[in-house]
Amino acid sequence: MLGVLVMLWVMQIVLLSAYFKEMKINQVKDVSVIIEDSIKENRFSLKVQIGAVQNNVCGLVYNNKGQLLYQVDALGLGCILNSNAIGFTQKIENYTSLVDNSNEGEFSLTVYNSVIQQDMIIYGKKISLPLGSYYIFLNSSLLPIDSTISILQQQFIYVTVIVFILFSIVSLIISSRLSKPIINLKKETIKLAHGDYDVHFQSGEFTEFTELAETLNYTTGQLKKMDELRKDLIANVSHDIKTPLTMIKAYAEMIKDISGDNKKKREEHLNVILDEVTHLDHLVQDMTQLSQFQSNALNLQLKNFNLVDLVNESLRLLDGLIQSEKIKVQVYSPIEVIVVGDPLKIKQVLINFMNNAIKFIGKDKQLIIQVLCEEEVVRVEVIDHGIGIAEEDIAYIWDRYYKIDKHHYRNVAGTGLGLSIASAILKSHGYQYGVISKLNQGSVFWFEMKYAKKPSHVL
């Protein structure tokens, strides 16, 4: 703001004087051109007088013999070229000498008129024609520029004060509108830093503040969800650890107090303790493995293998559970499909998907596995006709310990981390996966793998 005012001051006050002087010289030169045309026409027309009056000029025309041929005066007493002035003849001689000694045949200079106390311009020009040489001397006042600058200085002071006041008011308004949302954001951020996830960041009048508020609100929502998941994780892990520890303690006390001498009872109680210890070991292993996958700390042993053989091997491992639950398994696949991946980890994905389907198996007791050969990838689908998953829950089923019914219970068949581990394995491979499900209709858990060798029946 200050720089703009200084620049305007320089342009209007300092440069204006030089500009006006140059303009005034050009006006005087225009009058000299009119006089020159009159000399060539051998008569001084009314145009000379009109030009002199319009430009506030007085002037004289001499021939090369020093004879005055023409005189025009629009200044009156203020004209320096007044023939009645003291020393007039000497001035004309000096001006004639200046013209003769000038390379351009003309001159201009500024003199001070002590009579009217003003700066004035003197312009002289020599014209050479076939009939002889002529000298034109013109005089004009610089008074308008002095008065103009004085007026501009006074006006500019007022303008500067008014602009400064207006700028201050506008700055206060803008700074208030800028600082208010920042202060509100700061207050809400402090609350967020202290663990209050119910804060809401209000958008401001500017696009940048609105975008920032939306980003912070989104971040707050994600932090709130992570905090809820953290609390659920702690509660669920504590529950899963506490339950087997309680069982181990109870059966150890029973061995000590009741079945110590009864071999059959003692073995039953010891088997229960071993089962609970095994469950604890599996829980710790699954949590460790999941952490390794999510931190990219586990290296994959990629190789080519037959996916159909891996599906059948996974079903054999679950054969005891399938027989006990009287589940009907249907497998639809070609004889051989060679894919790229870590077979041990992909088998773990298959077992987790199958385990989940068995856990939520429908009344028809059907478990369907499909290996579908598509143009670029092979797609594996594990299908059940069970209770299904609500649409709003599908996005969260891959979170560790996420519970659809929000009532945690002891998972007899696993540790509750199966889908999270499967998700981490497939992400580490860079393979697509997902679930298609509807309530009370069942679910289809699927993933895709790249061919190592495309089957001949696939185009």
Protein backbone atom coordinates (compact mmCIF):
# COMPACT_ATOMS: atom_id res chain seq x y z
CA MET A 1 0.00 0.00 0.00
CA LEU A 2 2.77 2.46 0.99
CA GLY A 3 4.72 1.58 -2.14
CA VAL A 4 1.71 2.35 -4.35
CA LEU A 5 1.23 5.77 -2.71
CA VAL A 6 4.94 6.63 -3.12
CA MET A 7 4.84 5.59 -6.78
CA LEU A 8 1.75 7.76 -7.39
CA TRP A 9 3.42 10.70 -5.59
CA VAL A 10 6.53 10.44 -7.80
CA MET A 11 4.50 10.15 -10.99
CA GLN A 12 2.04 12.95 -10.20
CA ILE A 13 4.34 15.47 -8.49
CA VAL A 14 7.93 14.87 -9.61
CA LEU A 15 7.43 13.64 -13.19
CA LEU A 16 4.47 15.89 -13.91
CA SER A 17 6.68 19.03 -14.01
CA ALA A 18 9.07 17.56 -16.58
CA TYR A 19 6.17 16.17 -18.62
CA PHE A 20 4.32 19.51 -18.64
CA LYS A 21 7.48 21.40 -19.66
CA GLU A 22 8.05 19.02 -22.57
CA MET A 23 4.42 19.34 -23.59
CA LYS A 24 4.63 23.15 -23.41
CA ILE A 25 7.72 23.21 -25.67
CA ASN A 26 5.84 21.06 -28.21
CA GLN A 27 2.92 23.51 -28.13
CA VAL A 28 5.30 26.42 -28.75
CA LYS A 29 6.88 24.48 -31.62
CA ASP A 30 3.42 23.97 -33.12
CA VAL A 31 2.95 27.76 -33.13
CA SER A 32 6.35 28.15 -34.84
CA VAL A 33 5.23 25.75 -37.59
CA ILE A 34 2.14 27.92 -38.22
CA ILE A 35 4.38 31.03 -38.45
CA GLU A 36 6.78 29.21 -40.78
CA ASP A 37 3.90 28.32 -43.12
CA SER A 38 2.78 31.96 -43.08
CA ILE A 39 6.31 33.10 -44.04
CA LYS A 40 6.36 30.68 -46.94
CA GLU A 41 2.96 32.00 -48.07
CA ASN A 42 4.32 35.57 -47.68
CA ARG A 43 1.43 36.58 -45.47
CA PHE A 44 0.63 36.17 -41.79
CA SER A 45 -2.85 34.68 -41.49
CA LEU A 46 -5.33 34.73 -38.62
CA LYS A 47 -4.20 31.22 -37.75
CA VAL A 48 -1.03 32.65 -36.17
CA GLN A 49 -2.97 34.81 -33.76
CA ILE A 50 -5.40 32.04 -32.91
CA GLY A 51 -2.54 29.60 -32.25
CA ALA A 52 -0.79 32.15 -30.04
CA VAL A 53 -3.92 32.79 -27.97
CA GLN A 54 -4.78 29.09 -27.63
CA ASN A 55 -1.28 28.22 -26.43
CA ASN A 56 -0.69 31.41 -24.41
CA VAL A 57 2.30 32.49 -26.55
CA CYS A 58 3.89 35.77 -27.63
CA GLY A 59 6.42 35.97 -30.47
CA LEU A 60 8.58 37.91 -32.93
CA VAL A 61 9.73 37.25 -36.47
CA TYR A 62 12.97 38.83 -37.86
CA ASN A 63 14.72 38.57 -41.19
CA ASN A 64 18.46 38.02 -41.54
CA LYS A 65 18.99 41.80 -41.61
CA GLY A 66 17.56 42.18 -38.10
CA GLN A 67 14.34 43.79 -39.25
CA LEU A 68 11.14 42.96 -37.28
CA LEU A 69 8.63 41.48 -39.74
CA TYR A 70 5.84 40.32 -37.45
CA GLN A 71 4.80 40.39 -33.80
CA VAL A 72 2.06 38.51 -31.94
CA ASP A 73 1.29 38.80 -28.21
CA ALA A 74 -1.11 36.76 -26.05
CA LEU A 75 0.80 37.41 -22.79
CA GLY A 76 0.73 41.18 -22.54
CA LEU A 77 2.90 42.49 -19.70
CA GLY A 78 4.23 39.03 -19.04
CA CYS A 79 5.91 38.67 -22.44
CA ILE A 80 9.72 38.74 -22.17
CA LEU A 81 9.93 39.59 -25.89
CA ASN A 82 8.20 42.92 -25.32
CA SER A 83 10.06 45.49 -27.50
CA ASN A 84 9.58 48.16 -24.84
CA ALA A 85 11.47 46.20 -22.21
CA ILE A 86 14.91 47.40 -21.05
CA GLY A 87 17.72 45.56 -22.84
CA PHE A 88 15.40 44.19 -25.48
CA THR A 89 17.85 44.64 -28.38
CA GLN A 90 20.62 42.84 -26.51
CA LYS A 91 18.28 39.91 -25.75
CA ILE A 92 17.37 39.53 -29.43
CA GLU A 93 21.04 39.54 -30.37
CA ASN A 94 21.76 36.87 -27.76
CA TYR A 95 18.86 34.70 -28.93
CA THR A 96 19.96 35.10 -32.56
CA SER A 97 23.47 34.00 -31.59
CA LEU A 98 22.06 30.92 -29.77
CA VAL A 99 20.13 29.89 -32.88
CA ASP A 100 23.12 30.39 -35.19
CA ASN A 101 25.38 28.37 -32.91
CA SER A 102 22.89 25.53 -32.51
CA ASN A 103 23.43 22.38 -34.56
CA GLU A 104 19.69 21.83 -34.88
CA GLY A 105 18.95 25.44 -35.83
CA GLU A 106 16.75 25.90 -32.77
CA PHE A 107 16.98 26.24 -28.98
CA SER A 108 14.76 26.31 -25.89
CA LEU A 109 15.55 27.55 -22.41
CA THR A 110 13.80 28.42 -19.18
CA VAL A 111 14.14 31.95 -17.79
CA TYR A 112 12.66 33.74 -14.81
CA ASN A 113 10.45 36.76 -15.45
CA SER A 114 11.05 39.10 -12.50
CA VAL A 115 8.16 41.35 -13.51
CA ILE A 116 5.45 38.74 -13.03
CA GLN A 117 7.68 36.42 -10.95
CA GLN A 118 7.17 33.30 -13.06
CA ASP A 119 9.29 30.76 -14.92
CA MET A 120 8.94 31.08 -18.69
CA ILE A 121 10.04 29.27 -21.84
CA ILE A 122 12.03 30.97 -24.63
CA TYR A 123 12.09 29.15 -27.97
CA GLY A 124 14.08 30.23 -31.00
CA LYS A 125 14.24 28.82 -34.54
CA LYS A 126 16.00 29.73 -37.80
CA ILE A 127 14.26 29.15 -41.14
CA SER A 128 16.30 29.17 -44.35
CA LEU A 129 14.34 29.88 -47.52
CA PRO A 130 15.39 30.82 -51.10
CA LEU A 131 14.48 34.43 -50.44
CA GLY A 132 16.55 34.56 -47.24
CA SER A 133 16.75 33.46 -43.60
CA TYR A 134 14.21 34.22 -40.87
CA TYR A 135 14.32 34.03 -37.09
CA ILE A 136 11.30 33.08 -34.98
CA PHE A 137 11.38 33.79 -31.23
CA LEU A 138 8.49 32.63 -29.02
CA ASN A 139 7.76 32.99 -25.31
CA SER A 140 5.26 31.16 -23.07
CA SER A 141 4.58 30.89 -19.35
CA LEU A 142 5.03 27.80 -17.14
CA LEU A 143 2.62 29.14 -14.51
CA PRO A 144 -0.11 26.42 -14.93
CA ILE A 145 2.26 23.64 -13.92
CA ASP A 146 3.21 25.34 -10.67
CA SER A 147 -0.40 25.89 -9.69
CA THR A 148 -1.35 22.39 -10.83
CA ILE A 149 1.39 20.79 -8.74
CA SER A 150 0.33 22.81 -5.71
CA ILE A 151 -3.28 21.68 -6.11
CA LEU A 152 -2.23 18.08 -6.68
CA GLN A 153 -0.03 18.14 -3.58
CA GLN A 154 -2.92 19.29 -1.42
CA GLN A 155 -5.33 16.82 -2.99
CA PHE A 156 -2.86 13.99 -2.75
CA ILE A 157 -2.39 14.56 0.96
CA TYR A 158 -6.14 14.28 1.46
CA VAL A 159 -6.33 11.26 -0.85
CA THR A 160 -3.46 9.57 1.01
CA VAL A 161 -5.16 10.06 4.38
CA ILE A 162 -8.53 8.83 3.07
CA VAL A 163 -6.96 5.82 1.31
CA PHE A 164 -4.96 4.95 4.41
CA ILE A 165 -8.09 5.08 6.59
CA LEU A 166 -10.09 3.00 4.10
CA PHE A 167 -7.21 0.54 3.73
CA SER A 168 -6.99 0.19 7.52
CA ILE A 169 -10.73 -0.48 7.79
CA VAL A 170 -10.66 -3.01 4.94
CA SER A 171 -7.55 -4.67 6.44
CA LEU A 172 -9.29 -5.00 9.80
CA ILE A 173 -12.36 -6.54 8.18
CA ILE A 174 -10.34 -8.98 6.07
CA SER A 175 -8.01 -9.89 8.93
CA SER A 176 -11.03 -10.50 11.14
CA ARG A 177 -12.61 -12.75 8.54
CA LEU A 178 -9.29 -14.56 8.11
CA SER A 179 -8.37 -14.89 11.77
CA LYS A 180 -11.80 -15.94 13.10
CA PRO A 181 -11.89 -19.35 11.35
CA ILE A 182 -8.21 -19.88 12.21
CA ILE A 183 -8.94 -19.24 15.89
CA ASN A 184 -11.92 -21.63 15.75
CA LEU A 185 -9.78 -24.26 14.00
CA LYS A 186 -7.12 -23.87 16.68
CA LYS A 187 -9.65 -24.32 19.52
CA GLU A 188 -11.14 -27.44 17.94
CA THR A 189 -7.67 -28.82 17.16
CA ILE A 190 -6.65 -28.46 20.81
CA LYS A 191 -9.78 -30.40 21.79
CA LEU A 192 -8.89 -33.07 19.23
CA ALA A 193 -5.33 -33.28 20.58
CA HIS A 194 -6.82 -34.02 24.03
CA GLY A 195 -8.82 -36.94 22.65
CA ASP A 196 -12.18 -35.27 22.02
CA TYR A 197 -13.28 -36.83 18.71
CA ASP A 198 -16.70 -35.15 18.73
CA VAL A 199 -15.24 -31.83 17.55
CA HIS A 200 -16.47 -30.25 14.35
CA PHE A 201 -14.43 -27.88 12.23
CA GLN A 202 -16.54 -25.10 10.73
CA SER A 203 -15.85 -23.99 7.18
CA GLY A 204 -14.98 -20.35 6.51
CA GLU A 205 -15.91 -17.88 3.80
CA PHE A 206 -12.82 -18.73 1.76
CA THR A 207 -12.41 -21.89 -0.31
CA GLU A 208 -9.10 -22.79 1.33
CA PHE A 209 -10.63 -22.72 4.84
CA THR A 210 -13.58 -24.81 3.65
CA GLU A 211 -11.27 -27.44 2.15
CA LEU A 212 -9.11 -27.44 5.29
CA ALA A 213 -12.18 -27.85 7.54
CA GLU A 214 -13.48 -30.73 5.41
CA THR A 215 -10.08 -32.43 5.54
CA LEU A 216 -9.87 -32.02 9.33
CA ASN A 217 -13.43 -33.32 9.77
CA TYR A 218 -12.57 -36.36 7.65
CA THR A 219 -9.38 -36.90 9.65
CA THR A 220 -11.33 -36.60 12.90
CA GLY A 221 -13.79 -39.22 11.70
CA GLN A 222 -10.96 -41.58 10.81
CA LEU A 223 -9.26 -41.02 14.17
CA LYS A 224 -12.56 -41.65 15.95
CA LYS A 225 -13.02 -44.88 14.04
CA MET A 226 -9.43 -45.95 14.79
CA ASP A 227 -9.94 -45.16 18.46
CA GLU A 228 -13.10 -47.28 18.53
CA LEU A 229 -11.26 -50.11 16.76
CA ARG A 230 -8.40 -49.79 19.23
CA LYS A 231 -10.77 -50.05 22.17
CA ASP A 232 -12.54 -53.01 20.56
CA LEU A 233 -9.21 -54.66 19.83
CA ILE A 234 -8.02 -54.31 23.41
CA ALA A 235 -11.35 -55.55 24.77
CA ASN A 236 -11.56 -58.50 22.36
CA VAL A 237 -7.93 -59.56 22.71
CA SER A 238 -8.27 -59.29 26.48
CA HIS A 239 -11.39 -61.45 26.30
CA ASP A 240 -9.73 -64.04 24.04
CA ILE A 241 -6.73 -64.22 26.35
CA LYS A 242 -8.67 -64.13 29.58
CA THR A 243 -11.02 -66.99 28.61
CA PRO A 244 -8.34 -69.67 28.03
CA LEU A 245 -6.38 -68.45 31.07
CA THR A 246 -9.48 -68.85 33.20
CA MET A 247 -10.02 -72.34 31.79
CA ILE A 248 -6.37 -73.28 32.36
CA LYS A 249 -6.49 -72.03 35.95
CA ALA A 250 -9.79 -73.79 36.66
CA TYR A 251 -8.68 -77.15 35.24
CA ALA A 252 -5.27 -76.90 36.92
CA GLU A 253 -7.04 -76.43 40.28
CA MET A 254 -9.34 -79.36 39.46
CA ILE A 255 -6.31 -81.57 38.76
CA LYS A 256 -4.78 -80.46 42.04
CA ASP A 257 -7.89 -80.91 44.15
CA ILE A 258 -10.04 -83.53 42.39
CA SER A 259 -8.56 -85.56 39.57
CA GLY A 260 -4.97 -85.83 40.68
CA ASP A 261 -5.23 -89.58 41.44
CA ASN A 262 -7.85 -90.32 38.76
CA LYS A 263 -5.89 -90.96 35.58
CA LYS A 264 -8.86 -90.73 33.22
CA LYS A 265 -10.18 -87.49 34.66
CA ARG A 266 -6.68 -86.07 34.92
CA GLU A 267 -6.05 -86.72 31.21
CA GLU A 268 -9.39 -85.12 30.27
CA HIS A 269 -8.51 -82.05 32.29
CA LEU A 270 -4.98 -81.93 30.89
CA ASN A 271 -6.35 -82.16 27.32
CA VAL A 272 -8.57 -79.17 27.98
CA ILE A 273 -5.54 -77.25 29.29
CA LEU A 274 -3.53 -78.23 26.20
CA ASP A 275 -6.38 -77.13 23.90
CA GLU A 276 -6.54 -73.73 25.59
CA VAL A 277 -2.76 -73.31 25.42
CA THR A 278 -2.89 -74.22 21.72
CA HIS A 279 -5.60 -71.60 21.18
CA LEU A 280 -3.47 -68.99 22.95
CA ASP A 281 -0.49 -69.95 20.80
CA HIS A 282 -2.56 -69.62 17.62
CA LEU A 283 -3.85 -66.23 18.76
CA VAL A 284 -0.34 -64.90 19.37
CA GLN A 285 0.90 -66.33 16.06
CA ASP A 286 -1.99 -64.77 14.12
CA MET A 287 -1.48 -61.36 15.74
CA THR A 288 2.27 -61.51 15.05
CA GLN A 289 1.72 -62.57 11.45
CA LEU A 290 -0.88 -59.86 10.88
CA SER A 291 1.49 -57.20 12.24
CA GLN A 292 4.26 -58.47 9.98
CA PHE A 293 2.04 -58.28 6.89
CA GLN A 294 0.74 -54.83 7.70
CA SER A 295 4.27 -53.51 8.30
CA ASN A 296 5.58 -55.15 5.09
CA ALA A 297 8.10 -57.06 7.19
CA LEU A 298 7.26 -60.50 5.74
CA ASN A 299 8.89 -61.64 2.49
CA LEU A 300 6.80 -63.64 0.04
CA GLN A 301 8.22 -66.78 -1.56
CA LEU A 302 6.73 -66.38 -5.02
CA LYS A 303 6.60 -69.38 -7.32
CA ASN A 304 4.41 -71.05 -9.95
CA PHE A 305 1.92 -73.63 -8.63
CA ASN A 306 -1.35 -75.37 -9.48
CA LEU A 307 -4.15 -73.42 -7.80
CA VAL A 308 -6.65 -76.30 -8.15
CA ASP A 309 -4.35 -78.63 -6.17
CA LEU A 310 -4.04 -75.95 -3.46
CA VAL A 311 -7.86 -75.66 -3.22
CA ASN A 312 -8.20 -79.44 -2.80
CA GLU A 313 -5.39 -79.54 -0.22
CA SER A 314 -7.08 -76.80 1.80
CA LEU A 315 -10.36 -78.75 1.80
CA ARG A 316 -8.53 -81.85 3.05
CA LEU A 317 -7.13 -79.89 5.98
CA LEU A 318 -10.67 -78.84 6.91
CA ASP A 319 -12.15 -82.30 6.29
CA GLY A 320 -12.67 -83.03 9.99
CA LEU A 321 -14.66 -79.82 10.52
CA ILE A 322 -16.59 -80.38 7.27
CA GLN A 323 -17.55 -83.93 8.33
CA SER A 324 -18.53 -82.90 11.87
CA GLU A 325 -20.77 -80.11 10.54
CA LYS A 326 -22.17 -82.40 7.80
CA ILE A 327 -21.37 -79.83 5.12
CA LYS A 328 -21.85 -80.56 1.41
CA VAL A 329 -18.88 -79.28 -0.58
CA GLN A 330 -19.13 -78.51 -4.30
CA VAL A 331 -15.99 -77.60 -6.27
CA TYR A 332 -16.19 -76.21 -9.81
CA SER A 333 -12.76 -75.86 -11.44
CA PRO A 334 -10.62 -77.00 -14.36
CA ILE A 335 -8.06 -79.72 -13.76
CA GLU A 336 -5.10 -77.37 -13.70
CA VAL A 337 -4.54 -73.64 -13.42
CA ILE A 338 -0.93 -72.46 -12.97
CA VAL A 339 -0.66 -69.15 -11.09
CA VAL A 340 2.03 -66.97 -9.46
CA GLY A 341 2.15 -66.46 -5.69
CA ASP A 342 3.30 -67.73 -2.33
CA PRO A 343 1.46 -71.09 -2.08
CA LEU A 344 1.65 -71.27 1.73
CA LYS A 345 0.14 -67.79 2.13
CA ILE A 346 -2.52 -68.33 -0.56
CA LYS A 347 -3.48 -71.60 1.17
CA GLN A 348 -3.93 -69.62 4.37
CA VAL A 349 -6.28 -67.25 2.49
CA LEU A 350 -8.29 -70.20 1.17
CA ILE A 351 -8.54 -71.80 4.60
CA ASN A 352 -9.62 -68.51 6.20
CA PHE A 353 -12.30 -67.93 3.54
CA MET A 354 -13.54 -71.53 3.85
CA ASN A 355 -13.48 -71.37 7.64
CA ASN A 356 -15.54 -68.19 7.56
CA ALA A 357 -18.06 -69.78 5.17
CA ILE A 358 -18.37 -72.86 7.42
CA LYS A 359 -18.85 -70.65 10.46
CA PHE A 360 -21.81 -68.87 8.82
CA ILE A 361 -23.06 -71.81 6.72
CA GLY A 362 -26.71 -71.74 5.65
CA LYS A 363 -29.47 -74.19 6.44
CA ASP A 364 -28.72 -76.04 3.20
CA LYS A 365 -25.21 -76.80 4.55
CA GLN A 366 -23.69 -76.09 1.13
CA LEU A 367 -20.15 -74.80 0.65
CA ILE A 368 -19.33 -73.93 -2.97
CA ILE A 369 -15.82 -73.22 -4.31
CA GLN A 370 -15.38 -71.95 -7.88
CA VAL A 371 -12.14 -71.45 -9.83
CA LEU A 372 -13.06 -69.25 -12.78
CA CYS A 373 -10.56 -68.70 -15.60
CA GLU A 374 -11.03 -65.21 -17.01
CA GLU A 375 -9.10 -63.52 -19.82
CA GLU A 376 -6.35 -61.93 -17.71
CA VAL A 377 -6.76 -63.44 -14.23
CA VAL A 378 -8.13 -66.48 -12.45
CA ARG A 379 -10.88 -65.77 -9.92
CA VAL A 380 -11.52 -67.91 -6.83
CA GLU A 381 -14.93 -67.70 -5.14
CA VAL A 382 -15.96 -69.24 -1.80
CA ILE A 383 -19.77 -69.23 -1.51
CA ASP A 384 -22.15 -69.89 1.36
CA HIS A 385 -25.92 -69.40 1.74
CA GLY A 386 -25.78 -68.19 5.32
CA ILE A 387 -26.88 -65.06 7.15
CA GLY A 388 -25.03 -62.68 4.82
CA ILE A 389 -23.60 -59.26 5.61
CA ALA A 390 -25.37 -55.90 5.71
CA GLU A 391 -24.21 -53.43 3.05
CA GLU A 392 -23.02 -50.89 5.64
CA ASP A 393 -20.80 -53.55 7.29
CA ILE A 394 -19.07 -54.87 4.16
CA ALA A 395 -16.38 -52.18 4.13
CA TYR A 396 -15.30 -53.05 7.69
CA ILE A 397 -15.23 -56.85 7.74
CA TRP A 398 -11.52 -56.85 6.87
CA ASP A 399 -10.72 -54.90 10.06
CA ARG A 400 -9.29 -57.01 12.83
CA TYR A 401 -11.94 -58.08 15.34
CA TYR A 402 -14.70 -56.18 13.54
CA LYS A 403 -18.03 -57.60 14.76
CA ILE A 404 -21.19 -57.37 12.69
CA ASP A 405 -23.50 -57.94 15.66
CA LYS A 406 -21.19 -55.98 18.06
CA HIS A 407 -21.42 -58.81 20.63
CA HIS A 408 -18.07 -60.52 21.03
CA TYR A 409 -18.04 -64.22 21.59
CA ARG A 410 -15.33 -66.84 21.81
CA ASN A 411 -14.51 -68.06 18.30
CA VAL A 412 -14.20 -71.82 18.61
CA ALA A 413 -12.85 -72.39 15.11
CA GLY A 414 -10.24 -69.61 15.07
CA THR A 415 -8.85 -66.44 16.57
CA GLY A 416 -11.12 -63.84 14.91
CA LEU A 417 -8.27 -62.48 12.78
CA GLY A 418 -8.73 -64.69 9.71
CA LEU A 419 -10.20 -62.13 7.32
CA SER A 420 -7.70 -59.46 8.39
CA ILE A 421 -4.83 -61.87 7.70
CA ALA A 422 -6.31 -62.88 4.34
CA SER A 423 -6.67 -59.20 3.39
CA ALA A 424 -3.05 -58.48 4.37
CA ILE A 425 -1.74 -61.46 2.37
CA LEU A 426 -3.62 -60.50 -0.78
CA LYS A 427 -2.57 -56.85 -0.47
CA SER A 428 1.09 -57.93 -0.16
CA HIS A 429 0.64 -59.90 -3.42
CA GLY A 430 -1.02 -56.93 -5.10
CA TYR A 431 -4.12 -59.02 -5.90
CA GLN A 432 -7.73 -57.82 -5.98
CA TYR A 433 -10.20 -59.26 -3.47
CA GLY A 434 -13.60 -58.56 -1.98
CA VAL A 435 -16.99 -59.86 -0.92
CA ILE A 436 -20.48 -59.83 -2.42
CA SER A 437 -23.20 -60.35 0.15
CA LYS A 438 -26.86 -59.80 0.97
CA LEU A 439 -28.61 -60.30 4.27
CA ASN A 440 -30.20 -63.75 4.66
CA GLN A 441 -28.96 -64.80 1.20
CA GLY A 442 -25.32 -65.62 1.82
CA SER A 443 -21.90 -64.33 0.82
CA VAL A 444 -19.32 -64.74 -1.93
CA PHE A 445 -15.72 -64.12 -0.83
CA TRP A 446 -13.42 -63.82 -3.84
CA PHE A 447 -9.89 -62.99 -4.91
CA GLU A 448 -8.00 -62.90 -8.21
CA MET A 449 -4.53 -64.14 -9.19
CA LYS A 450 -2.28 -63.74 -12.21
CA TYR A 451 -1.60 -66.61 -14.56
CA ALA A 452 1.91 -68.05 -14.68
CA LYS A 453 0.73 -69.96 -17.73
CA LYS A 454 -2.62 -69.18 -19.34
CA PRO A 455 -4.70 -72.37 -19.87
CA SER A 456 -5.29 -73.40 -23.46
CA HIS A 457 -9.07 -73.05 -23.11
CA VAL A 458 -8.73 -69.35 -22.17
CA LEU A 459 -8.57 -67.02 -25.19
